[in-house]
């Protein structure tokens, strides 16, 4: 997709046709609330949000940001993009070679990670979840050694802040099943999807700037 070839009607027609045929336009991976921009369907409001952001020069402003946090704050200023969604988008954009932010710049814990931290450390960790995640990333080698756990990272790449955030979110999901009596902050007790075995081989591909694909 190129912005100079963007046509609202064309994209709406494609997405509306897919929706009519019963195809899902959004996955269950994360919660993406619809912005209220005058359209009747979620995808149409997101197209309007895209237009708003492109017209305001958001891509250039993100690229000009000095840190990942500054780029995040650009996205955070738009309708229906809350703190965690803005963080997720920033991390995703940072996989591109044009962006060189450190993934150790900052972290914004999502609701799943907050629940996972609550289940691990109790109410004493409320409000300091970002500090917990940073400690986890900064001290990982110390504790892998202490527990005699051989861990060499992803082809030598250690856990980043976003990795630790995601791990704590997974802790919450497993705990909902294994320890339903332990409550998190959100009170959620079910998981969205159950694991289904897929025996097909999986070929991993990483952002080229990581230098891990060769």
N, C-alpha and C. Protein backbone atom coordinates (compact mmCIF):
# COMPACT_ATOMS: atom_id res chain seq x y z
N UNK A 1 0.83 -1.19 0.00
CA UNK A 1 0.00 0.00 0.00
C UNK A 1 0.86 1.24 0.00
N UNK A 2 0.58 2.18 -0.86
CA UNK A 2 1.26 3.47 -0.91
C UNK A 2 0.23 4.57 -0.70
N UNK A 3 0.64 5.58 0.07
CA UNK A 3 -0.30 6.65 0.36
C UNK A 3 -0.71 7.41 -0.89
N UNK A 4 0.21 7.57 -1.84
CA UNK A 4 -0.14 8.31 -3.06
C UNK A 4 -1.13 7.56 -3.94
N UNK A 5 -1.37 6.29 -3.63
CA UNK A 5 -2.36 5.52 -4.39
C UNK A 5 -3.58 5.18 -3.54
N UNK A 6 -3.65 5.75 -2.34
CA UNK A 6 -4.74 5.43 -1.43
C UNK A 6 -6.07 5.98 -1.95
N UNK A 7 -7.10 5.15 -1.83
CA UNK A 7 -8.46 5.56 -2.21
C UNK A 7 -9.41 4.97 -1.18
N UNK A 8 -10.04 5.82 -0.41
CA UNK A 8 -10.93 5.35 0.66
C UNK A 8 -12.00 4.39 0.13
N UNK A 9 -12.63 4.75 -0.96
CA UNK A 9 -13.72 3.93 -1.49
C UNK A 9 -13.24 2.55 -1.91
N UNK A 10 -12.06 2.49 -2.51
CA UNK A 10 -11.54 1.20 -2.96
C UNK A 10 -11.24 0.28 -1.77
N UNK A 11 -10.60 0.84 -0.75
CA UNK A 11 -10.28 0.01 0.42
C UNK A 11 -11.54 -0.38 1.18
N UNK A 12 -12.49 0.53 1.29
CA UNK A 12 -13.74 0.21 1.96
C UNK A 12 -14.48 -0.89 1.21
N UNK A 13 -14.47 -0.83 -0.11
CA UNK A 13 -15.16 -1.85 -0.91
C UNK A 13 -14.56 -3.23 -0.67
N UNK A 14 -13.24 -3.30 -0.64
CA UNK A 14 -12.57 -4.59 -0.42
C UNK A 14 -12.87 -5.13 0.97
N UNK A 15 -12.74 -4.28 1.98
CA UNK A 15 -12.95 -4.73 3.35
C UNK A 15 -14.42 -5.05 3.62
N UNK A 16 -15.32 -4.26 3.06
CA UNK A 16 -16.75 -4.52 3.25
C UNK A 16 -17.15 -5.83 2.60
N UNK A 17 -16.60 -6.12 1.42
CA UNK A 17 -16.91 -7.38 0.74
C UNK A 17 -16.42 -8.57 1.56
N UNK A 18 -15.22 -8.45 2.12
CA UNK A 18 -14.68 -9.53 2.95
C UNK A 18 -15.55 -9.74 4.19
N UNK A 19 -15.98 -8.64 4.81
CA UNK A 19 -16.83 -8.72 6.00
C UNK A 19 -18.16 -9.39 5.66
N UNK A 20 -18.74 -9.04 4.53
CA UNK A 20 -20.01 -9.62 4.10
C UNK A 20 -19.90 -11.12 3.88
N UNK A 21 -18.73 -11.57 3.44
CA UNK A 21 -18.51 -13.00 3.20
C UNK A 21 -18.14 -13.76 4.47
N UNK A 22 -18.15 -13.06 5.60
CA UNK A 22 -17.89 -13.72 6.86
C UNK A 22 -16.43 -13.78 7.27
N UNK A 23 -15.58 -13.08 6.55
CA UNK A 23 -14.16 -13.08 6.90
C UNK A 23 -13.90 -12.09 8.03
N UNK A 24 -13.02 -12.47 8.95
CA UNK A 24 -12.70 -11.61 10.08
C UNK A 24 -11.71 -10.53 9.64
N UNK A 25 -12.01 -9.30 9.96
CA UNK A 25 -11.11 -8.20 9.62
C UNK A 25 -10.11 -7.91 10.74
N UNK A 26 -10.41 -8.37 11.94
CA UNK A 26 -9.55 -8.12 13.10
C UNK A 26 -9.28 -9.44 13.80
N UNK A 27 -8.06 -9.61 14.28
CA UNK A 27 -7.73 -10.83 15.02
C UNK A 27 -8.00 -10.61 16.50
N UNK A 28 -7.86 -11.69 17.26
CA UNK A 28 -8.05 -11.60 18.70
C UNK A 28 -6.74 -11.32 19.43
N UNK A 29 -5.70 -10.97 18.68
CA UNK A 29 -4.38 -10.79 19.29
C UNK A 29 -4.36 -9.63 20.27
N UNK A 30 -5.05 -8.55 19.95
CA UNK A 30 -5.08 -7.41 20.85
C UNK A 30 -6.38 -6.65 20.65
N UNK A 31 -6.73 -5.86 21.63
CA UNK A 31 -7.96 -5.09 21.57
C UNK A 31 -7.71 -3.80 20.80
N UNK A 32 -8.44 -3.62 19.70
CA UNK A 32 -8.30 -2.41 18.88
C UNK A 32 -9.65 -1.71 18.87
N UNK A 33 -9.87 -0.75 19.76
CA UNK A 33 -11.18 -0.09 19.82
C UNK A 33 -11.42 0.78 18.59
N UNK A 34 -12.67 0.94 18.18
CA UNK A 34 -12.97 1.77 17.01
C UNK A 34 -12.95 3.25 17.36
N UNK A 35 -12.26 4.08 16.59
CA UNK A 35 -12.35 5.52 16.81
C UNK A 35 -13.72 6.01 16.37
N UNK A 36 -14.22 7.02 17.01
CA UNK A 36 -15.53 7.57 16.66
C UNK A 36 -15.33 8.74 15.70
N UNK A 37 -15.29 8.41 14.41
CA UNK A 37 -15.00 9.43 13.40
C UNK A 37 -16.12 9.55 12.37
N UNK A 38 -17.33 9.18 12.77
CA UNK A 38 -18.50 9.43 11.94
C UNK A 38 -18.93 8.33 11.01
N UNK A 39 -18.19 7.22 10.95
CA UNK A 39 -18.57 6.12 10.08
C UNK A 39 -19.32 5.05 10.86
N UNK A 40 -20.08 4.22 10.15
CA UNK A 40 -20.91 3.23 10.79
C UNK A 40 -20.23 1.92 11.11
N UNK A 41 -19.11 1.64 10.45
CA UNK A 41 -18.41 0.38 10.69
C UNK A 41 -17.00 0.64 11.20
N UNK A 42 -16.51 -0.33 11.95
CA UNK A 42 -15.21 -0.19 12.61
C UNK A 42 -14.09 0.06 11.60
N UNK A 43 -14.06 -0.74 10.53
CA UNK A 43 -12.96 -0.60 9.58
C UNK A 43 -13.02 0.75 8.86
N UNK A 44 -14.22 1.27 8.65
CA UNK A 44 -14.33 2.58 7.99
C UNK A 44 -13.80 3.68 8.90
N UNK A 45 -14.06 3.58 10.18
CA UNK A 45 -13.51 4.56 11.11
C UNK A 45 -11.99 4.47 11.19
N UNK A 46 -11.46 3.26 11.05
CA UNK A 46 -10.01 3.11 11.05
C UNK A 46 -9.39 3.69 9.78
N UNK A 47 -10.09 3.57 8.66
CA UNK A 47 -9.60 4.22 7.44
C UNK A 47 -9.58 5.73 7.61
N UNK A 48 -10.59 6.28 8.27
CA UNK A 48 -10.62 7.71 8.52
C UNK A 48 -9.50 8.12 9.47
N UNK A 49 -9.22 7.26 10.44
CA UNK A 49 -8.11 7.54 11.36
C UNK A 49 -6.78 7.53 10.60
N UNK A 50 -6.63 6.58 9.69
CA UNK A 50 -5.43 6.54 8.86
C UNK A 50 -5.29 7.84 8.06
N UNK A 51 -6.38 8.29 7.47
CA UNK A 51 -6.34 9.55 6.71
C UNK A 51 -5.93 10.72 7.61
N UNK A 52 -6.49 10.77 8.81
CA UNK A 52 -6.18 11.84 9.74
C UNK A 52 -4.69 11.86 10.09
N UNK A 53 -4.14 10.68 10.34
CA UNK A 53 -2.74 10.59 10.75
C UNK A 53 -1.79 10.90 9.59
N UNK A 54 -2.13 10.43 8.40
CA UNK A 54 -1.27 10.70 7.25
C UNK A 54 -1.30 12.18 6.89
N UNK A 55 -2.49 12.77 6.94
CA UNK A 55 -2.61 14.19 6.62
C UNK A 55 -1.82 15.05 7.61
N UNK A 56 -1.74 14.60 8.86
CA UNK A 56 -1.01 15.34 9.88
C UNK A 56 0.48 15.06 9.86
N UNK A 57 0.95 14.24 8.92
CA UNK A 57 2.38 13.97 8.81
C UNK A 57 2.95 13.09 9.90
N UNK A 58 2.14 12.17 10.42
CA UNK A 58 2.60 11.30 11.50
C UNK A 58 3.83 10.47 11.13
N UNK A 59 3.91 9.88 9.93
CA UNK A 59 5.13 9.10 9.62
C UNK A 59 6.41 9.91 9.78
N UNK A 60 6.42 11.12 9.28
CA UNK A 60 7.61 11.95 9.40
C UNK A 60 7.89 12.33 10.84
N UNK A 61 6.86 12.61 11.61
CA UNK A 61 7.05 12.97 13.01
C UNK A 61 7.60 11.80 13.82
N UNK A 62 7.15 10.60 13.49
CA UNK A 62 7.67 9.41 14.17
C UNK A 62 9.14 9.19 13.83
N UNK A 63 9.47 9.35 12.54
CA UNK A 63 10.86 9.16 12.12
C UNK A 63 11.79 10.22 12.72
N UNK A 64 11.27 11.41 12.96
CA UNK A 64 12.08 12.49 13.52
C UNK A 64 12.25 12.40 15.04
N UNK A 65 11.49 11.53 15.68
CA UNK A 65 11.56 11.40 17.13
C UNK A 65 12.96 10.96 17.56
N UNK A 66 13.42 11.50 18.67
CA UNK A 66 14.76 11.18 19.16
C UNK A 66 14.81 9.86 19.90
N UNK A 67 13.67 9.44 20.47
CA UNK A 67 13.61 8.20 21.24
C UNK A 67 12.32 7.45 20.91
N UNK A 68 12.28 6.20 21.31
CA UNK A 68 11.06 5.42 21.12
C UNK A 68 9.90 6.05 21.89
N UNK A 69 10.19 6.59 23.06
CA UNK A 69 9.13 7.21 23.85
C UNK A 69 8.54 8.42 23.13
N UNK A 70 9.36 9.21 22.48
CA UNK A 70 8.86 10.36 21.73
C UNK A 70 7.97 9.90 20.57
N UNK A 71 8.39 8.84 19.88
CA UNK A 71 7.57 8.30 18.78
C UNK A 71 6.24 7.80 19.32
N UNK A 72 6.28 7.14 20.44
CA UNK A 72 5.07 6.63 21.10
C UNK A 72 4.11 7.77 21.42
N UNK A 73 4.64 8.88 21.91
CA UNK A 73 3.78 10.00 22.28
C UNK A 73 3.11 10.64 21.08
N UNK A 74 3.74 10.55 19.91
CA UNK A 74 3.08 11.02 18.68
C UNK A 74 1.83 10.20 18.42
N UNK A 75 1.93 8.89 18.50
CA UNK A 75 0.79 8.01 18.22
C UNK A 75 -0.28 8.13 19.30
N UNK A 76 0.15 8.35 20.52
CA UNK A 76 -0.78 8.40 21.65
C UNK A 76 -1.78 9.54 21.53
N UNK A 77 -1.47 10.54 20.72
CA UNK A 77 -2.34 11.70 20.63
C UNK A 77 -3.52 11.54 19.69
N UNK A 78 -3.76 10.33 19.19
CA UNK A 78 -4.84 10.15 18.20
C UNK A 78 -5.99 9.32 18.77
N UNK A 79 -7.21 9.51 18.22
CA UNK A 79 -8.41 8.85 18.77
C UNK A 79 -8.28 7.33 18.84
N UNK A 80 -8.73 6.79 19.96
CA UNK A 80 -8.82 5.34 20.20
C UNK A 80 -7.45 4.65 20.30
N UNK A 81 -6.37 5.40 20.33
CA UNK A 81 -5.04 4.81 20.52
C UNK A 81 -4.61 5.10 21.95
N UNK A 82 -4.85 4.12 22.82
CA UNK A 82 -4.50 4.27 24.22
C UNK A 82 -3.03 3.95 24.48
N UNK A 83 -2.60 4.03 25.72
CA UNK A 83 -1.18 3.84 26.05
C UNK A 83 -0.58 2.53 25.56
N UNK A 84 -1.25 1.40 25.80
CA UNK A 84 -0.63 0.13 25.40
C UNK A 84 -0.68 -0.07 23.90
N UNK A 85 -1.78 0.33 23.25
CA UNK A 85 -1.86 0.17 21.80
C UNK A 85 -0.82 1.07 21.12
N UNK A 86 -0.63 2.27 21.62
CA UNK A 86 0.40 3.16 21.07
C UNK A 86 1.77 2.54 21.22
N UNK A 87 2.01 1.88 22.34
CA UNK A 87 3.30 1.21 22.56
C UNK A 87 3.47 0.05 21.60
N UNK A 88 2.43 -0.76 21.42
CA UNK A 88 2.51 -1.89 20.49
C UNK A 88 2.81 -1.41 19.07
N UNK A 89 2.09 -0.37 18.64
CA UNK A 89 2.32 0.17 17.30
C UNK A 89 3.76 0.67 17.15
N UNK A 90 4.27 1.34 18.19
CA UNK A 90 5.63 1.87 18.12
C UNK A 90 6.65 0.76 18.02
N UNK A 91 6.47 -0.30 18.79
CA UNK A 91 7.37 -1.45 18.72
C UNK A 91 7.33 -2.07 17.33
N UNK A 92 6.13 -2.22 16.78
CA UNK A 92 5.99 -2.80 15.44
C UNK A 92 6.68 -1.93 14.39
N UNK A 93 6.48 -0.63 14.45
CA UNK A 93 7.12 0.28 13.50
C UNK A 93 8.63 0.23 13.63
N UNK A 94 9.11 0.03 14.85
CA UNK A 94 10.55 0.02 15.10
C UNK A 94 11.25 -1.20 14.51
N UNK A 95 10.50 -2.18 14.05
CA UNK A 95 11.12 -3.32 13.37
C UNK A 95 11.65 -2.91 12.00
N UNK A 96 11.16 -1.82 11.45
CA UNK A 96 11.62 -1.35 10.14
C UNK A 96 13.04 -0.82 10.24
N UNK A 97 13.79 -0.99 9.17
CA UNK A 97 15.20 -0.56 9.17
C UNK A 97 15.33 0.95 9.28
N UNK A 98 14.28 1.70 8.92
CA UNK A 98 14.35 3.16 8.98
C UNK A 98 14.34 3.69 10.41
N UNK A 99 13.95 2.87 11.35
CA UNK A 99 13.88 3.29 12.74
C UNK A 99 14.91 2.52 13.56
N UNK A 100 15.63 3.23 14.37
CA UNK A 100 16.75 2.60 15.10
C UNK A 100 16.64 2.80 16.60
N UNK A 101 15.42 2.85 17.11
CA UNK A 101 15.25 3.03 18.55
C UNK A 101 15.65 1.76 19.29
N UNK A 102 16.18 1.92 20.48
CA UNK A 102 16.49 0.78 21.33
C UNK A 102 15.20 0.25 21.95
N UNK A 103 15.03 -1.06 21.94
CA UNK A 103 13.86 -1.65 22.59
C UNK A 103 13.99 -1.63 24.10
N UNK A 104 15.15 -1.16 24.58
CA UNK A 104 15.34 -0.98 26.02
C UNK A 104 15.08 0.47 26.43
N UNK A 105 14.53 1.26 25.52
CA UNK A 105 14.25 2.67 25.78
C UNK A 105 13.22 2.83 26.89
N UNK A 106 12.06 2.22 26.67
CA UNK A 106 11.01 2.28 27.71
C UNK A 106 9.98 1.19 27.42
N UNK A 107 9.11 0.96 28.39
CA UNK A 107 8.08 -0.06 28.25
C UNK A 107 6.77 0.47 28.81
N UNK A 108 5.68 0.08 28.20
CA UNK A 108 4.35 0.43 28.69
C UNK A 108 3.60 -0.88 28.94
N UNK A 109 3.47 -1.31 30.19
CA UNK A 109 2.80 -2.58 30.48
C UNK A 109 1.35 -2.57 30.03
N UNK A 110 0.94 -3.65 29.41
CA UNK A 110 -0.45 -3.81 29.01
C UNK A 110 -1.25 -4.47 30.11
N UNK A 111 -2.56 -4.60 29.91
CA UNK A 111 -3.41 -5.19 30.96
C UNK A 111 -3.03 -6.62 31.30
N UNK A 112 -2.59 -7.40 30.30
CA UNK A 112 -2.19 -8.78 30.58
C UNK A 112 -0.94 -8.84 31.44
N UNK A 113 0.05 -8.01 31.12
CA UNK A 113 1.29 -7.98 31.91
C UNK A 113 1.01 -7.49 33.33
N UNK A 114 0.13 -6.51 33.47
CA UNK A 114 -0.21 -6.02 34.81
C UNK A 114 -0.85 -7.13 35.64
N UNK A 115 -1.72 -7.90 34.99
CA UNK A 115 -2.33 -9.03 35.70
C UNK A 115 -1.28 -10.07 36.06
N UNK A 116 -0.36 -10.36 35.13
CA UNK A 116 0.68 -11.33 35.40
C UNK A 116 1.57 -10.90 36.55
N UNK A 117 1.92 -9.63 36.60
CA UNK A 117 2.75 -9.11 37.68
C UNK A 117 2.02 -9.18 39.01
N UNK A 118 0.73 -8.83 39.01
CA UNK A 118 -0.07 -8.92 40.24
C UNK A 118 -0.09 -10.36 40.76
N UNK A 119 -0.22 -11.33 39.83
CA UNK A 119 -0.29 -12.73 40.25
C UNK A 119 1.06 -13.25 40.76
N UNK A 120 2.14 -12.66 40.28
CA UNK A 120 3.47 -13.08 40.74
C UNK A 120 3.87 -12.40 42.04
N UNK A 121 3.56 -11.10 42.17
CA UNK A 121 4.12 -10.32 43.27
C UNK A 121 3.08 -9.69 44.18
N UNK A 122 1.80 -9.85 43.86
CA UNK A 122 0.77 -9.30 44.73
C UNK A 122 0.56 -7.81 44.54
N UNK A 123 -0.24 -7.25 45.43
CA UNK A 123 -0.62 -5.85 45.32
C UNK A 123 0.54 -4.89 45.51
N UNK A 124 1.62 -5.34 46.10
CA UNK A 124 2.77 -4.45 46.34
C UNK A 124 3.40 -3.97 45.04
N UNK A 125 3.11 -4.66 43.91
CA UNK A 125 3.68 -4.26 42.62
C UNK A 125 2.76 -3.32 41.84
N UNK A 126 1.58 -3.03 42.38
CA UNK A 126 0.65 -2.13 41.69
C UNK A 126 1.28 -0.75 41.52
N UNK A 127 1.28 -0.25 40.28
CA UNK A 127 1.81 1.08 40.01
C UNK A 127 3.28 1.11 39.65
N UNK A 128 3.99 0.00 39.85
CA UNK A 128 5.42 -0.04 39.52
C UNK A 128 5.71 -1.15 38.50
N UNK A 129 4.69 -1.48 37.70
CA UNK A 129 4.84 -2.59 36.76
C UNK A 129 5.97 -2.35 35.76
N UNK A 130 6.13 -1.12 35.28
CA UNK A 130 7.21 -0.83 34.33
C UNK A 130 8.57 -1.06 34.98
N UNK A 131 8.69 -0.74 36.26
CA UNK A 131 9.95 -0.97 36.99
C UNK A 131 10.22 -2.45 37.14
N UNK A 132 9.17 -3.23 37.38
CA UNK A 132 9.32 -4.68 37.50
C UNK A 132 9.84 -5.27 36.19
N UNK A 133 9.24 -4.83 35.08
CA UNK A 133 9.66 -5.33 33.77
C UNK A 133 11.10 -4.94 33.47
N UNK A 134 11.47 -3.70 33.77
CA UNK A 134 12.85 -3.27 33.52
C UNK A 134 13.83 -4.07 34.38
N UNK A 135 13.49 -4.30 35.64
CA UNK A 135 14.37 -5.11 36.50
C UNK A 135 14.53 -6.51 35.91
N UNK A 136 13.43 -7.06 35.43
CA UNK A 136 13.46 -8.40 34.84
C UNK A 136 14.41 -8.45 33.64
N UNK A 137 14.35 -7.43 32.79
CA UNK A 137 15.24 -7.39 31.62
C UNK A 137 16.69 -7.12 32.01
N UNK A 138 16.90 -6.20 32.93
CA UNK A 138 18.26 -5.80 33.30
C UNK A 138 19.01 -6.89 34.07
N UNK A 139 18.27 -7.71 34.83
CA UNK A 139 18.93 -8.69 35.69
C UNK A 139 18.77 -10.12 35.19
N UNK A 140 18.35 -10.29 33.94
CA UNK A 140 18.05 -11.64 33.45
C UNK A 140 19.22 -12.59 33.54
N UNK A 141 20.42 -12.16 33.16
CA UNK A 141 21.57 -13.06 33.19
C UNK A 141 21.90 -13.50 34.61
N UNK A 142 21.79 -12.57 35.54
CA UNK A 142 22.06 -12.89 36.95
C UNK A 142 21.14 -14.00 37.44
N UNK A 143 19.88 -13.91 37.10
CA UNK A 143 18.92 -14.89 37.62
C UNK A 143 18.90 -16.18 36.82
N UNK A 144 19.21 -16.14 35.54
CA UNK A 144 19.38 -17.39 34.80
C UNK A 144 20.54 -18.18 35.40
N UNK A 145 21.63 -17.48 35.74
CA UNK A 145 22.79 -18.14 36.35
C UNK A 145 22.44 -18.65 37.74
N UNK A 146 21.75 -17.84 38.52
CA UNK A 146 21.39 -18.23 39.89
C UNK A 146 20.53 -19.49 39.90
N UNK A 147 19.63 -19.61 38.94
CA UNK A 147 18.72 -20.74 38.86
C UNK A 147 19.26 -21.88 38.01
N UNK A 148 20.49 -21.70 37.51
CA UNK A 148 21.14 -22.71 36.67
C UNK A 148 20.27 -23.05 35.45
N UNK A 149 19.76 -22.00 34.82
CA UNK A 149 18.94 -22.16 33.61
C UNK A 149 19.76 -21.72 32.41
N UNK A 150 20.12 -22.63 31.52
CA UNK A 150 20.88 -22.23 30.33
C UNK A 150 19.99 -21.46 29.35
N UNK A 151 20.27 -20.20 29.16
CA UNK A 151 19.48 -19.38 28.26
C UNK A 151 20.43 -18.46 27.51
N UNK A 152 20.42 -18.59 26.19
CA UNK A 152 21.35 -17.81 25.37
C UNK A 152 20.62 -16.78 24.52
N UNK A 153 19.36 -16.52 24.86
CA UNK A 153 18.60 -15.52 24.12
C UNK A 153 18.20 -16.01 22.74
N UNK A 154 17.84 -15.10 21.90
CA UNK A 154 17.45 -15.41 20.52
C UNK A 154 18.69 -15.27 19.65
N UNK A 155 19.39 -16.40 19.45
CA UNK A 155 20.65 -16.39 18.72
C UNK A 155 21.62 -15.37 19.32
N UNK A 156 21.62 -15.31 20.66
CA UNK A 156 22.50 -14.39 21.35
C UNK A 156 21.88 -13.06 21.73
N UNK A 157 20.69 -12.78 21.21
CA UNK A 157 20.01 -11.53 21.52
C UNK A 157 19.24 -11.68 22.82
N UNK A 158 19.59 -10.94 23.87
CA UNK A 158 18.92 -11.10 25.16
C UNK A 158 17.48 -10.60 25.13
N UNK A 159 16.73 -10.95 26.15
CA UNK A 159 15.36 -10.48 26.28
C UNK A 159 15.32 -8.96 26.35
N UNK A 160 14.45 -8.37 25.56
CA UNK A 160 14.25 -6.92 25.59
C UNK A 160 13.03 -6.60 26.47
N UNK A 161 12.79 -5.32 26.70
CA UNK A 161 11.66 -4.93 27.54
C UNK A 161 10.34 -5.47 27.01
N UNK A 162 10.15 -5.39 25.69
CA UNK A 162 8.90 -5.87 25.10
C UNK A 162 8.77 -7.38 25.28
N UNK A 163 9.88 -8.11 25.26
CA UNK A 163 9.84 -9.56 25.47
C UNK A 163 9.37 -9.88 26.88
N UNK A 164 9.93 -9.16 27.86
CA UNK A 164 9.54 -9.40 29.25
C UNK A 164 8.09 -9.00 29.49
N UNK A 165 7.66 -7.91 28.87
CA UNK A 165 6.25 -7.52 28.96
C UNK A 165 5.37 -8.64 28.43
N UNK A 166 5.73 -9.20 27.28
CA UNK A 166 4.94 -10.27 26.68
C UNK A 166 4.97 -11.54 27.54
N UNK A 167 6.12 -11.85 28.13
CA UNK A 167 6.22 -13.05 28.97
C UNK A 167 5.27 -12.96 30.17
N UNK A 168 5.20 -11.78 30.77
CA UNK A 168 4.32 -11.61 31.92
C UNK A 168 2.85 -11.69 31.51
N UNK A 169 2.56 -11.27 30.29
CA UNK A 169 1.20 -11.42 29.76
C UNK A 169 0.87 -12.91 29.61
N UNK A 170 1.83 -13.70 29.14
CA UNK A 170 1.62 -15.14 29.00
C UNK A 170 1.46 -15.80 30.36
N UNK A 171 2.20 -15.33 31.37
CA UNK A 171 2.05 -15.84 32.73
C UNK A 171 0.60 -15.69 33.18
N UNK A 172 0.03 -14.52 32.89
CA UNK A 172 -1.36 -14.29 33.26
C UNK A 172 -2.29 -15.29 32.59
N UNK A 173 -2.06 -15.56 31.31
CA UNK A 173 -2.94 -16.48 30.57
C UNK A 173 -2.86 -17.89 31.15
N UNK A 174 -1.64 -18.37 31.40
CA UNK A 174 -1.49 -19.71 31.97
C UNK A 174 -2.11 -19.78 33.37
N UNK A 175 -1.92 -18.70 34.14
CA UNK A 175 -2.43 -18.69 35.50
C UNK A 175 -3.95 -18.70 35.55
N UNK A 176 -4.59 -18.12 34.54
CA UNK A 176 -6.06 -18.14 34.51
C UNK A 176 -6.59 -19.56 34.49
N UNK A 177 -5.83 -20.47 33.84
CA UNK A 177 -6.23 -21.87 33.75
C UNK A 177 -5.71 -22.68 34.93
N UNK A 178 -4.41 -22.50 35.24
CA UNK A 178 -3.79 -23.33 36.28
C UNK A 178 -4.13 -22.87 37.69
N UNK A 179 -4.32 -21.56 37.87
CA UNK A 179 -4.58 -21.03 39.20
C UNK A 179 -5.73 -20.01 39.15
N UNK A 180 -6.92 -20.46 38.81
CA UNK A 180 -8.05 -19.52 38.67
C UNK A 180 -8.40 -18.80 39.97
N UNK A 181 -7.94 -19.35 41.10
CA UNK A 181 -8.26 -18.72 42.38
C UNK A 181 -7.44 -17.46 42.64
N UNK A 182 -6.36 -17.26 41.87
CA UNK A 182 -5.51 -16.09 42.05
C UNK A 182 -5.99 -15.00 41.09
N UNK A 183 -6.45 -13.92 41.63
CA UNK A 183 -7.05 -12.86 40.81
C UNK A 183 -6.01 -11.84 40.37
N UNK A 184 -6.20 -11.34 39.16
CA UNK A 184 -5.37 -10.23 38.68
C UNK A 184 -6.09 -8.92 38.91
N UNK A 185 -5.65 -7.89 38.22
CA UNK A 185 -6.27 -6.58 38.36
C UNK A 185 -7.58 -6.51 37.57
N UNK A 186 -7.58 -7.09 36.37
CA UNK A 186 -8.74 -6.98 35.48
C UNK A 186 -9.90 -7.87 35.88
N UNK A 187 -9.60 -8.94 36.61
CA UNK A 187 -10.64 -9.89 36.98
C UNK A 187 -10.97 -10.90 35.91
N UNK A 188 -10.20 -10.91 34.80
CA UNK A 188 -10.48 -11.86 33.73
C UNK A 188 -10.17 -13.28 34.18
N UNK A 189 -11.03 -14.21 33.83
CA UNK A 189 -10.84 -15.61 34.25
C UNK A 189 -10.78 -16.58 33.08
N UNK A 190 -11.02 -16.10 31.85
CA UNK A 190 -10.97 -16.97 30.68
C UNK A 190 -9.91 -16.47 29.71
N UNK A 191 -9.45 -17.36 28.82
CA UNK A 191 -8.52 -16.96 27.77
C UNK A 191 -9.28 -16.92 26.45
N UNK A 192 -8.80 -16.09 25.52
CA UNK A 192 -9.52 -15.89 24.26
C UNK A 192 -9.48 -17.13 23.38
N UNK A 193 -8.33 -17.79 23.33
CA UNK A 193 -8.17 -18.92 22.42
C UNK A 193 -7.41 -20.04 23.11
N UNK A 194 -7.71 -21.26 22.74
CA UNK A 194 -6.97 -22.42 23.22
C UNK A 194 -5.98 -22.85 22.16
N UNK A 195 -4.87 -23.45 22.59
CA UNK A 195 -3.83 -23.91 21.66
C UNK A 195 -4.35 -25.06 20.81
N UNK A 196 -4.10 -24.96 19.51
CA UNK A 196 -4.44 -26.04 18.59
C UNK A 196 -3.17 -26.48 17.88
N UNK A 197 -2.89 -27.77 17.94
CA UNK A 197 -1.68 -28.31 17.36
C UNK A 197 -1.64 -28.07 15.86
N UNK A 198 -0.52 -27.56 15.39
CA UNK A 198 -0.29 -27.38 13.96
C UNK A 198 1.10 -27.95 13.67
N UNK A 199 1.13 -29.10 13.00
CA UNK A 199 2.39 -29.82 12.78
C UNK A 199 3.21 -29.26 11.63
N UNK A 200 2.68 -28.28 10.91
CA UNK A 200 3.43 -27.74 9.79
C UNK A 200 4.69 -27.03 10.28
N UNK A 201 5.81 -27.21 9.57
CA UNK A 201 7.05 -26.55 10.00
C UNK A 201 6.91 -25.03 9.96
N UNK A 202 7.52 -24.39 10.92
CA UNK A 202 7.46 -22.94 11.03
C UNK A 202 8.84 -22.36 10.72
N UNK A 203 8.88 -21.46 9.76
CA UNK A 203 10.13 -20.82 9.40
C UNK A 203 10.16 -19.43 10.01
N UNK A 204 11.11 -19.20 10.89
CA UNK A 204 11.21 -17.92 11.57
C UNK A 204 11.91 -16.89 10.68
N UNK A 205 11.43 -15.67 10.73
CA UNK A 205 12.04 -14.56 10.01
C UNK A 205 12.03 -13.35 10.93
N UNK A 206 13.16 -12.68 11.04
CA UNK A 206 13.30 -11.59 11.99
C UNK A 206 13.59 -10.28 11.28
N UNK A 207 13.35 -9.15 11.93
CA UNK A 207 13.70 -7.87 11.32
C UNK A 207 15.16 -7.88 10.84
N UNK A 208 15.41 -7.56 9.59
CA UNK A 208 16.77 -7.65 9.04
C UNK A 208 17.82 -6.91 9.86
N UNK A 209 17.44 -5.80 10.48
CA UNK A 209 18.44 -5.02 11.23
C UNK A 209 18.94 -5.76 12.47
N UNK A 210 18.25 -6.83 12.88
CA UNK A 210 18.73 -7.63 13.99
C UNK A 210 19.92 -8.51 13.58
N UNK A 211 20.06 -8.78 12.28
CA UNK A 211 21.15 -9.60 11.81
C UNK A 211 21.05 -11.07 12.20
N UNK A 212 19.84 -11.61 12.29
CA UNK A 212 19.65 -12.97 12.75
C UNK A 212 19.16 -13.93 11.67
N UNK A 213 18.94 -13.46 10.47
CA UNK A 213 18.33 -14.30 9.43
C UNK A 213 19.34 -15.15 8.67
N UNK A 214 20.62 -14.86 8.76
CA UNK A 214 21.62 -15.61 8.00
C UNK A 214 22.11 -16.82 8.80
